[in-house]
N, C-alpha and C. Protein backbone atom coordinates (compact mmCIF):
# COMPACT_ATOMS: atom_id res chain seq x y z
N MET A 1 -34.74 -25.46 11.83
CA MET A 1 -34.52 -24.85 10.52
C MET A 1 -34.33 -23.36 10.74
N SER A 2 -33.25 -22.83 10.19
CA SER A 2 -33.00 -21.39 10.30
C SER A 2 -32.67 -20.83 8.92
N SER A 3 -32.55 -19.51 8.86
CA SER A 3 -32.20 -18.89 7.58
C SER A 3 -31.20 -17.78 7.82
N GLU A 4 -30.46 -17.47 6.76
CA GLU A 4 -29.43 -16.44 6.84
C GLU A 4 -29.41 -15.69 5.51
N PHE A 5 -29.22 -14.38 5.59
CA PHE A 5 -29.14 -13.56 4.39
C PHE A 5 -27.68 -13.22 4.12
N LEU A 6 -27.27 -13.34 2.86
CA LEU A 6 -25.92 -12.98 2.44
C LEU A 6 -26.01 -11.95 1.33
N PHE A 7 -25.22 -10.90 1.43
CA PHE A 7 -25.15 -9.93 0.34
C PHE A 7 -23.98 -10.33 -0.55
N THR A 8 -24.19 -10.30 -1.84
CA THR A 8 -23.14 -10.68 -2.77
C THR A 8 -23.28 -9.87 -4.04
N ASP A 9 -22.36 -10.03 -4.94
CA ASP A 9 -22.41 -9.29 -6.19
C ASP A 9 -23.26 -10.03 -7.22
N ARG A 10 -23.65 -9.31 -8.23
CA ARG A 10 -24.52 -9.87 -9.28
C ARG A 10 -23.83 -11.01 -10.03
N ALA A 11 -22.52 -10.92 -10.24
CA ALA A 11 -21.79 -11.97 -10.96
C ALA A 11 -21.88 -13.30 -10.22
N THR A 12 -21.77 -13.25 -8.90
CA THR A 12 -21.87 -14.48 -8.10
C THR A 12 -23.27 -15.07 -8.21
N ILE A 13 -24.26 -14.23 -8.08
CA ILE A 13 -25.65 -14.71 -8.19
C ILE A 13 -25.89 -15.31 -9.57
N ASN A 14 -25.33 -14.68 -10.61
CA ASN A 14 -25.49 -15.22 -11.96
C ASN A 14 -24.81 -16.57 -12.14
N LYS A 15 -23.75 -16.85 -11.37
CA LYS A 15 -23.11 -18.16 -11.41
C LYS A 15 -23.93 -19.19 -10.63
N ILE A 16 -24.59 -18.73 -9.58
CA ILE A 16 -25.33 -19.64 -8.70
C ILE A 16 -26.66 -20.06 -9.32
N ILE A 17 -27.37 -19.14 -9.97
CA ILE A 17 -28.72 -19.42 -10.47
C ILE A 17 -28.77 -20.67 -11.37
N PRO A 18 -27.89 -20.81 -12.39
CA PRO A 18 -27.99 -22.02 -13.23
C PRO A 18 -27.61 -23.31 -12.48
N GLN A 19 -26.88 -23.17 -11.38
CA GLN A 19 -26.42 -24.33 -10.61
C GLN A 19 -27.23 -24.51 -9.31
N LYS A 20 -28.33 -23.78 -9.19
CA LYS A 20 -29.08 -23.72 -7.95
C LYS A 20 -29.55 -25.10 -7.47
N LYS A 21 -30.12 -25.89 -8.35
CA LYS A 21 -30.62 -27.22 -7.96
C LYS A 21 -29.47 -28.11 -7.48
N LYS A 22 -28.37 -28.07 -8.23
CA LYS A 22 -27.19 -28.86 -7.86
C LYS A 22 -26.68 -28.44 -6.48
N LEU A 23 -26.54 -27.13 -6.27
CA LEU A 23 -26.06 -26.61 -4.99
C LEU A 23 -27.00 -26.97 -3.85
N GLU A 24 -28.31 -26.81 -4.08
CA GLU A 24 -29.27 -27.14 -3.02
C GLU A 24 -29.18 -28.62 -2.65
N GLY A 25 -29.03 -29.47 -3.65
CA GLY A 25 -28.93 -30.90 -3.39
C GLY A 25 -27.69 -31.27 -2.61
N LYS A 26 -26.55 -30.73 -3.02
CA LYS A 26 -25.29 -31.07 -2.36
C LYS A 26 -25.15 -30.41 -0.99
N LEU A 27 -25.68 -29.20 -0.86
CA LEU A 27 -25.50 -28.44 0.38
C LEU A 27 -26.63 -28.65 1.39
N LYS A 28 -27.71 -29.27 0.97
CA LYS A 28 -28.86 -29.52 1.84
C LYS A 28 -29.45 -28.23 2.40
N VAL A 29 -29.46 -27.18 1.57
CA VAL A 29 -30.08 -25.90 1.93
C VAL A 29 -30.98 -25.46 0.80
N LYS A 30 -31.90 -24.58 1.11
CA LYS A 30 -32.72 -23.95 0.09
C LYS A 30 -32.11 -22.58 -0.18
N ILE A 31 -31.90 -22.27 -1.46
CA ILE A 31 -31.30 -21.00 -1.85
C ILE A 31 -32.37 -20.14 -2.51
N ILE A 32 -32.60 -18.96 -1.95
CA ILE A 32 -33.57 -18.02 -2.49
C ILE A 32 -32.79 -16.77 -2.90
N THR A 33 -32.95 -16.34 -4.14
CA THR A 33 -32.21 -15.18 -4.63
C THR A 33 -33.12 -13.95 -4.69
N HIS A 34 -32.58 -12.83 -4.22
CA HIS A 34 -33.23 -11.52 -4.32
C HIS A 34 -32.14 -10.56 -4.78
N ASP A 35 -32.38 -9.79 -5.81
CA ASP A 35 -31.42 -8.78 -6.32
C ASP A 35 -29.97 -9.18 -6.03
N ASN A 36 -29.32 -8.50 -5.09
CA ASN A 36 -27.93 -8.81 -4.73
C ASN A 36 -27.87 -9.50 -3.37
N GLN A 37 -28.84 -10.35 -3.13
CA GLN A 37 -28.92 -11.00 -1.83
C GLN A 37 -29.33 -12.45 -2.01
N LEU A 38 -28.73 -13.30 -1.21
CA LEU A 38 -29.11 -14.71 -1.17
C LEU A 38 -29.67 -15.01 0.20
N GLU A 39 -30.71 -15.82 0.22
CA GLU A 39 -31.22 -16.30 1.49
C GLU A 39 -30.99 -17.80 1.52
N LEU A 40 -30.38 -18.27 2.59
CA LEU A 40 -30.12 -19.69 2.77
C LEU A 40 -31.00 -20.21 3.87
N GLU A 41 -31.73 -21.29 3.59
CA GLU A 41 -32.58 -21.92 4.59
C GLU A 41 -32.14 -23.35 4.79
N GLY A 42 -32.01 -23.74 6.04
CA GLY A 42 -31.60 -25.10 6.37
C GLY A 42 -31.11 -25.15 7.80
N ASP A 43 -30.45 -26.26 8.15
CA ASP A 43 -29.93 -26.29 9.51
C ASP A 43 -28.62 -25.51 9.56
N GLU A 44 -28.21 -25.12 10.76
CA GLU A 44 -27.10 -24.18 10.92
C GLU A 44 -25.78 -24.70 10.36
N VAL A 45 -25.50 -25.97 10.52
CA VAL A 45 -24.25 -26.54 10.00
C VAL A 45 -24.25 -26.49 8.47
N ASP A 46 -25.37 -26.84 7.85
CA ASP A 46 -25.46 -26.80 6.39
C ASP A 46 -25.37 -25.37 5.87
N ILE A 47 -25.95 -24.41 6.57
CA ILE A 47 -25.86 -23.00 6.18
C ILE A 47 -24.42 -22.53 6.28
N TYR A 48 -23.71 -22.94 7.32
CA TYR A 48 -22.30 -22.57 7.47
C TYR A 48 -21.48 -23.08 6.28
N THR A 49 -21.68 -24.33 5.91
CA THR A 49 -20.97 -24.92 4.77
C THR A 49 -21.34 -24.19 3.49
N ALA A 50 -22.62 -23.92 3.29
CA ALA A 50 -23.08 -23.21 2.09
C ALA A 50 -22.45 -21.82 2.01
N ARG A 51 -22.34 -21.14 3.14
CA ARG A 51 -21.73 -19.81 3.17
C ARG A 51 -20.27 -19.87 2.71
N LYS A 52 -19.53 -20.90 3.17
CA LYS A 52 -18.14 -21.07 2.75
C LYS A 52 -18.05 -21.28 1.23
N ILE A 53 -18.95 -22.07 0.69
CA ILE A 53 -18.94 -22.36 -0.74
C ILE A 53 -19.30 -21.12 -1.54
N ILE A 54 -20.25 -20.35 -1.06
CA ILE A 54 -20.61 -19.10 -1.74
C ILE A 54 -19.46 -18.10 -1.69
N GLU A 55 -18.74 -18.05 -0.56
CA GLU A 55 -17.54 -17.21 -0.48
C GLU A 55 -16.53 -17.60 -1.55
N ALA A 56 -16.34 -18.90 -1.74
CA ALA A 56 -15.40 -19.38 -2.76
C ALA A 56 -15.87 -18.98 -4.17
N ILE A 57 -17.16 -19.09 -4.42
CA ILE A 57 -17.71 -18.69 -5.72
C ILE A 57 -17.51 -17.19 -5.93
N GLU A 58 -17.69 -16.39 -4.87
CA GLU A 58 -17.45 -14.94 -4.96
C GLU A 58 -16.01 -14.64 -5.33
N ARG A 59 -15.09 -15.49 -4.93
CA ARG A 59 -13.67 -15.30 -5.23
C ARG A 59 -13.31 -15.82 -6.61
N THR A 60 -14.28 -16.16 -7.40
CA THR A 60 -14.19 -16.59 -8.80
C THR A 60 -13.83 -18.06 -8.99
N PHE A 61 -13.94 -18.89 -7.96
CA PHE A 61 -13.79 -20.32 -8.17
C PHE A 61 -15.01 -20.83 -8.92
N SER A 62 -14.83 -21.90 -9.68
CA SER A 62 -15.98 -22.52 -10.32
C SER A 62 -16.84 -23.16 -9.23
N VAL A 63 -18.08 -23.42 -9.56
CA VAL A 63 -18.98 -24.05 -8.59
C VAL A 63 -18.43 -25.42 -8.19
N ASP A 64 -17.92 -26.19 -9.15
CA ASP A 64 -17.39 -27.52 -8.83
C ASP A 64 -16.18 -27.44 -7.91
N ASP A 65 -15.28 -26.49 -8.14
CA ASP A 65 -14.13 -26.33 -7.25
C ASP A 65 -14.58 -25.90 -5.86
N ALA A 66 -15.54 -24.99 -5.80
CA ALA A 66 -16.05 -24.52 -4.50
C ALA A 66 -16.70 -25.67 -3.72
N LEU A 67 -17.37 -26.57 -4.43
CA LEU A 67 -18.04 -27.69 -3.76
C LEU A 67 -17.05 -28.66 -3.09
N LEU A 68 -15.78 -28.57 -3.43
CA LEU A 68 -14.78 -29.39 -2.74
C LEU A 68 -14.77 -29.10 -1.24
N LEU A 69 -15.20 -27.88 -0.88
CA LEU A 69 -15.20 -27.48 0.53
C LEU A 69 -16.21 -28.26 1.37
N ILE A 70 -17.07 -29.04 0.73
CA ILE A 70 -17.98 -29.91 1.48
C ILE A 70 -17.17 -30.98 2.21
N GLN A 71 -16.09 -31.41 1.56
CA GLN A 71 -15.25 -32.46 2.15
C GLN A 71 -14.50 -31.89 3.34
N PRO A 72 -14.45 -32.62 4.44
CA PRO A 72 -13.87 -32.08 5.67
C PRO A 72 -12.38 -31.77 5.60
N ASP A 73 -11.63 -32.38 4.66
CA ASP A 73 -10.19 -32.11 4.61
C ASP A 73 -9.83 -30.98 3.66
N TYR A 74 -10.81 -30.30 3.05
CA TYR A 74 -10.54 -29.17 2.16
C TYR A 74 -10.80 -27.85 2.88
N VAL A 75 -9.94 -26.87 2.62
CA VAL A 75 -10.07 -25.55 3.23
C VAL A 75 -9.91 -24.47 2.17
N LEU A 76 -10.39 -23.29 2.49
CA LEU A 76 -10.25 -22.10 1.65
C LEU A 76 -9.35 -21.13 2.39
N GLU A 77 -8.26 -20.71 1.76
CA GLU A 77 -7.33 -19.75 2.36
C GLU A 77 -7.16 -18.56 1.42
N ASP A 78 -7.04 -17.38 2.00
CA ASP A 78 -6.82 -16.15 1.24
C ASP A 78 -5.47 -15.56 1.61
N ILE A 79 -4.79 -15.04 0.60
CA ILE A 79 -3.54 -14.31 0.81
C ILE A 79 -3.73 -12.93 0.22
N LYS A 80 -3.71 -11.92 1.06
CA LYS A 80 -3.82 -10.54 0.57
C LYS A 80 -2.42 -10.11 0.13
N ILE A 81 -2.32 -9.73 -1.12
CA ILE A 81 -1.02 -9.36 -1.69
C ILE A 81 -0.36 -8.26 -0.87
N LYS A 82 -1.12 -7.29 -0.43
CA LYS A 82 -0.57 -6.16 0.34
C LYS A 82 0.06 -6.61 1.65
N ASP A 83 -0.39 -7.76 2.20
CA ASP A 83 0.18 -8.26 3.45
C ASP A 83 1.54 -8.94 3.24
N VAL A 84 1.89 -9.23 1.98
CA VAL A 84 3.10 -10.01 1.70
C VAL A 84 4.19 -9.16 1.06
N THR A 85 3.82 -8.07 0.41
CA THR A 85 4.82 -7.24 -0.29
C THR A 85 4.67 -5.78 0.10
N LYS A 86 5.77 -5.07 -0.02
CA LYS A 86 5.75 -3.62 0.23
C LYS A 86 5.65 -2.83 -1.07
N LYS A 87 5.64 -3.55 -2.19
CA LYS A 87 5.58 -2.88 -3.48
C LYS A 87 4.27 -2.11 -3.61
N LYS A 88 4.37 -0.94 -4.19
CA LYS A 88 3.18 -0.09 -4.37
C LYS A 88 2.43 -0.47 -5.64
N ASN A 89 3.17 -0.89 -6.67
CA ASN A 89 2.56 -1.24 -7.95
C ASN A 89 2.12 -2.71 -7.91
N LEU A 90 0.91 -2.95 -7.46
CA LEU A 90 0.42 -4.31 -7.31
C LEU A 90 0.09 -4.96 -8.65
N GLU A 91 -0.04 -4.14 -9.70
CA GLU A 91 -0.30 -4.70 -11.02
C GLU A 91 0.85 -5.59 -11.48
N VAL A 92 2.08 -5.20 -11.16
CA VAL A 92 3.25 -6.00 -11.50
C VAL A 92 3.22 -7.32 -10.73
N VAL A 93 2.86 -7.26 -9.47
CA VAL A 93 2.79 -8.47 -8.64
C VAL A 93 1.69 -9.39 -9.17
N ARG A 94 0.53 -8.84 -9.48
CA ARG A 94 -0.56 -9.65 -10.03
C ARG A 94 -0.13 -10.32 -11.33
N SER A 95 0.61 -9.58 -12.16
CA SER A 95 1.09 -10.14 -13.43
C SER A 95 2.04 -11.31 -13.18
N ARG A 96 2.88 -11.22 -12.17
CA ARG A 96 3.80 -12.32 -11.84
C ARG A 96 3.02 -13.56 -11.40
N ILE A 97 1.95 -13.34 -10.63
CA ILE A 97 1.15 -14.47 -10.15
C ILE A 97 0.44 -15.15 -11.32
N ILE A 98 -0.12 -14.36 -12.20
CA ILE A 98 -0.85 -14.91 -13.35
C ILE A 98 0.12 -15.55 -14.34
N GLY A 99 1.20 -14.86 -14.66
CA GLY A 99 2.18 -15.38 -15.61
C GLY A 99 1.71 -15.19 -17.04
N THR A 100 2.59 -15.50 -17.97
CA THR A 100 2.28 -15.38 -19.39
C THR A 100 1.15 -16.34 -19.75
N GLU A 101 0.09 -15.78 -20.30
CA GLU A 101 -1.09 -16.54 -20.71
C GLU A 101 -1.67 -17.39 -19.57
N GLY A 102 -1.49 -16.93 -18.32
CA GLY A 102 -2.07 -17.63 -17.17
C GLY A 102 -1.33 -18.88 -16.76
N ARG A 103 -0.13 -19.07 -17.28
CA ARG A 103 0.61 -20.31 -17.02
C ARG A 103 1.07 -20.43 -15.56
N THR A 104 1.55 -19.35 -14.95
CA THR A 104 2.09 -19.46 -13.59
C THR A 104 1.02 -19.91 -12.61
N ILE A 105 -0.12 -19.26 -12.63
CA ILE A 105 -1.18 -19.62 -11.69
C ILE A 105 -1.70 -21.04 -11.96
N GLN A 106 -1.70 -21.42 -13.22
CA GLN A 106 -2.12 -22.78 -13.59
C GLN A 106 -1.12 -23.82 -13.07
N ILE A 107 0.16 -23.56 -13.26
CA ILE A 107 1.19 -24.50 -12.81
C ILE A 107 1.21 -24.59 -11.28
N LEU A 108 1.02 -23.45 -10.60
CA LEU A 108 0.95 -23.47 -9.13
C LEU A 108 -0.14 -24.43 -8.67
N GLY A 109 -1.31 -24.35 -9.31
CA GLY A 109 -2.41 -25.23 -8.95
C GLY A 109 -2.10 -26.69 -9.25
N GLU A 110 -1.53 -26.95 -10.42
CA GLU A 110 -1.24 -28.33 -10.81
C GLU A 110 -0.20 -28.97 -9.90
N LEU A 111 0.91 -28.26 -9.65
CA LEU A 111 1.99 -28.83 -8.85
C LEU A 111 1.61 -29.00 -7.37
N SER A 112 0.69 -28.18 -6.90
CA SER A 112 0.31 -28.26 -5.50
C SER A 112 -0.98 -29.06 -5.28
N ASP A 113 -1.56 -29.57 -6.36
CA ASP A 113 -2.84 -30.28 -6.27
C ASP A 113 -3.89 -29.43 -5.54
N SER A 114 -3.87 -28.14 -5.82
CA SER A 114 -4.82 -27.19 -5.22
C SER A 114 -5.46 -26.39 -6.33
N HIS A 115 -6.42 -25.58 -5.97
CA HIS A 115 -7.07 -24.68 -6.92
C HIS A 115 -6.72 -23.26 -6.48
N VAL A 116 -6.15 -22.48 -7.41
CA VAL A 116 -5.65 -21.15 -7.08
C VAL A 116 -6.31 -20.14 -8.02
N VAL A 117 -6.85 -19.06 -7.45
CA VAL A 117 -7.41 -17.97 -8.25
C VAL A 117 -6.92 -16.64 -7.70
N LEU A 118 -6.89 -15.66 -8.57
CA LEU A 118 -6.54 -14.29 -8.19
C LEU A 118 -7.76 -13.44 -8.45
N HIS A 119 -8.20 -12.74 -7.42
CA HIS A 119 -9.37 -11.87 -7.53
C HIS A 119 -9.03 -10.56 -6.85
N ASN A 120 -9.01 -9.48 -7.63
CA ASN A 120 -8.57 -8.17 -7.15
C ASN A 120 -7.15 -8.31 -6.63
N ASN A 121 -6.91 -8.04 -5.36
CA ASN A 121 -5.56 -8.15 -4.79
C ASN A 121 -5.47 -9.28 -3.78
N VAL A 122 -6.25 -10.33 -4.01
CA VAL A 122 -6.27 -11.47 -3.11
C VAL A 122 -6.08 -12.75 -3.92
N VAL A 123 -5.17 -13.59 -3.45
CA VAL A 123 -5.00 -14.92 -4.03
C VAL A 123 -5.75 -15.87 -3.10
N SER A 124 -6.67 -16.64 -3.67
CA SER A 124 -7.44 -17.60 -2.88
C SER A 124 -7.06 -19.01 -3.32
N ILE A 125 -7.01 -19.90 -2.33
CA ILE A 125 -6.58 -21.28 -2.58
C ILE A 125 -7.59 -22.22 -1.94
N ILE A 126 -8.00 -23.23 -2.70
CA ILE A 126 -8.77 -24.34 -2.14
C ILE A 126 -7.87 -25.56 -2.25
N GLY A 127 -7.64 -26.19 -1.12
CA GLY A 127 -6.79 -27.38 -1.11
C GLY A 127 -6.98 -28.17 0.17
N THR A 128 -6.32 -29.30 0.23
CA THR A 128 -6.40 -30.13 1.42
C THR A 128 -5.48 -29.57 2.51
N PHE A 129 -5.75 -29.97 3.75
CA PHE A 129 -4.93 -29.52 4.87
C PHE A 129 -3.46 -29.82 4.62
N GLU A 130 -3.17 -30.99 4.06
CA GLU A 130 -1.78 -31.42 3.86
C GLU A 130 -1.06 -30.54 2.84
N LYS A 131 -1.75 -30.04 1.85
CA LYS A 131 -1.10 -29.35 0.74
C LYS A 131 -1.21 -27.83 0.80
N ILE A 132 -2.09 -27.32 1.62
CA ILE A 132 -2.36 -25.88 1.60
C ILE A 132 -1.15 -25.07 2.06
N LYS A 133 -0.40 -25.57 3.03
CA LYS A 133 0.76 -24.82 3.55
C LYS A 133 1.81 -24.63 2.46
N ASP A 134 2.11 -25.69 1.71
CA ASP A 134 3.09 -25.57 0.63
C ASP A 134 2.59 -24.63 -0.46
N THR A 135 1.30 -24.66 -0.74
CA THR A 135 0.73 -23.77 -1.76
C THR A 135 0.83 -22.32 -1.30
N ILE A 136 0.52 -22.06 -0.04
CA ILE A 136 0.63 -20.70 0.51
C ILE A 136 2.07 -20.22 0.43
N ASN A 137 3.02 -21.07 0.81
CA ASN A 137 4.44 -20.69 0.74
C ASN A 137 4.86 -20.38 -0.70
N ALA A 138 4.37 -21.17 -1.64
CA ALA A 138 4.72 -20.95 -3.05
C ALA A 138 4.15 -19.61 -3.54
N VAL A 139 2.90 -19.33 -3.23
CA VAL A 139 2.29 -18.07 -3.66
C VAL A 139 3.01 -16.89 -3.03
N ARG A 140 3.33 -17.00 -1.74
CA ARG A 140 4.07 -15.94 -1.06
C ARG A 140 5.43 -15.71 -1.73
N GLY A 141 6.08 -16.80 -2.12
CA GLY A 141 7.36 -16.68 -2.82
C GLY A 141 7.24 -15.93 -4.12
N ILE A 142 6.22 -16.25 -4.90
CA ILE A 142 5.99 -15.54 -6.17
C ILE A 142 5.74 -14.05 -5.90
N ILE A 143 4.92 -13.76 -4.92
CA ILE A 143 4.60 -12.37 -4.58
C ILE A 143 5.86 -11.61 -4.18
N GLN A 144 6.74 -12.29 -3.43
CA GLN A 144 7.95 -11.63 -2.93
C GLN A 144 9.07 -11.57 -3.97
N GLY A 145 8.83 -12.14 -5.16
CA GLY A 145 9.78 -11.98 -6.24
C GLY A 145 10.66 -13.18 -6.54
N SER A 146 10.43 -14.31 -5.91
CA SER A 146 11.21 -15.51 -6.23
C SER A 146 10.96 -15.91 -7.68
N LYS A 147 11.97 -16.53 -8.27
CA LYS A 147 11.82 -17.00 -9.65
C LYS A 147 10.77 -18.11 -9.69
N GLN A 148 9.95 -18.07 -10.73
CA GLN A 148 8.93 -19.09 -10.87
C GLN A 148 9.54 -20.49 -10.89
N ALA A 149 10.67 -20.67 -11.58
CA ALA A 149 11.30 -21.99 -11.67
C ALA A 149 11.67 -22.52 -10.28
N ASN A 150 12.14 -21.64 -9.40
CA ASN A 150 12.48 -22.07 -8.04
C ASN A 150 11.24 -22.49 -7.26
N ILE A 151 10.17 -21.76 -7.46
CA ILE A 151 8.91 -22.10 -6.79
C ILE A 151 8.39 -23.45 -7.29
N TYR A 152 8.49 -23.68 -8.60
CA TYR A 152 8.04 -24.95 -9.16
C TYR A 152 8.85 -26.10 -8.58
N LYS A 153 10.17 -25.92 -8.45
CA LYS A 153 11.03 -26.96 -7.86
C LYS A 153 10.63 -27.23 -6.42
N TYR A 154 10.34 -26.17 -5.67
CA TYR A 154 9.89 -26.30 -4.29
C TYR A 154 8.62 -27.16 -4.22
N LEU A 155 7.65 -26.88 -5.09
CA LEU A 155 6.40 -27.64 -5.09
C LEU A 155 6.62 -29.09 -5.54
N GLU A 156 7.53 -29.30 -6.48
CA GLU A 156 7.83 -30.67 -6.91
C GLU A 156 8.45 -31.47 -5.77
N LYS A 157 9.36 -30.86 -5.00
CA LYS A 157 9.96 -31.53 -3.85
C LYS A 157 8.89 -31.83 -2.79
N ALA A 158 8.01 -30.87 -2.57
CA ALA A 158 6.94 -31.06 -1.59
C ALA A 158 6.05 -32.22 -2.02
N ARG A 159 5.79 -32.32 -3.29
CA ARG A 159 4.95 -33.40 -3.83
C ARG A 159 5.63 -34.75 -3.61
N LYS A 160 6.95 -34.82 -3.82
CA LYS A 160 7.69 -36.07 -3.62
C LYS A 160 7.72 -36.46 -2.15
N ARG A 161 7.80 -35.47 -1.25
CA ARG A 161 7.77 -35.76 0.20
C ARG A 161 6.46 -36.44 0.58
N GLU A 162 5.37 -35.99 -0.03
CA GLU A 162 4.06 -36.53 0.30
C GLU A 162 3.82 -37.91 -0.29
N ARG A 163 4.41 -38.16 -1.45
CA ARG A 163 4.20 -39.44 -2.13
C ARG A 163 5.53 -40.17 -2.28
N PRO A 164 6.01 -40.81 -1.23
CA PRO A 164 7.27 -41.53 -1.39
C PRO A 164 7.10 -42.64 -2.41
N GLU A 165 8.09 -42.75 -3.27
CA GLU A 165 8.05 -43.80 -4.30
C GLU A 165 8.06 -45.17 -3.63
N SER A 166 7.69 -46.18 -4.36
CA SER A 166 7.69 -47.51 -3.79
C SER A 166 9.10 -47.84 -3.29
N LEU A 167 9.16 -48.64 -2.27
CA LEU A 167 10.45 -48.98 -1.68
C LEU A 167 11.33 -49.68 -2.70
N ASP A 168 12.58 -49.30 -2.74
CA ASP A 168 13.53 -49.94 -3.62
C ASP A 168 14.05 -51.20 -2.95
N ILE A 169 13.43 -52.30 -3.23
CA ILE A 169 13.86 -53.58 -2.69
C ILE A 169 14.50 -54.36 -3.81
N LYS A 170 15.75 -54.65 -3.59
CA LYS A 170 16.50 -55.36 -4.64
C LYS A 170 16.45 -56.85 -4.36
N GLU A 171 16.23 -57.57 -5.41
CA GLU A 171 16.22 -59.03 -5.29
C GLU A 171 17.64 -59.54 -5.31
N GLU A 172 17.88 -60.60 -4.53
CA GLU A 172 19.22 -61.19 -4.49
C GLU A 172 19.31 -62.37 -5.36
């Protein structure tokens, strides 16, 4: 049994406290909160998993979305907007990612079967290994100025590649 201390913001701790029992049960760790610090107690593998989930919660994912990272085929990826664009006015880029009334970021998540959030100047994605690459490419496209409609078509094609329709067998 080991323990690890994590420093985090108050908003994250406020999200964790009401879900503490649920998190402890699913993560197999004991969570102790102090001011802006969390202490995790458990075995090292469970602490590693808990740390990944807390990172996701810090990036503004819901607790339920973050808990997807318990499953071995789910990953958390970050895209720093500054690494993808040379534009100085990142507010315009963030607005493109969010879209009118949050529609663009919502559609990106739906079409890619992933969870996408924007926090500060970082887009974070939780998704399966199979789908994360297409989601990253789509987000990069939006950041670089591609039309949203083109990105949506790209994700729809990617979705069809993954789920081939039933074979067209014609009866004679």
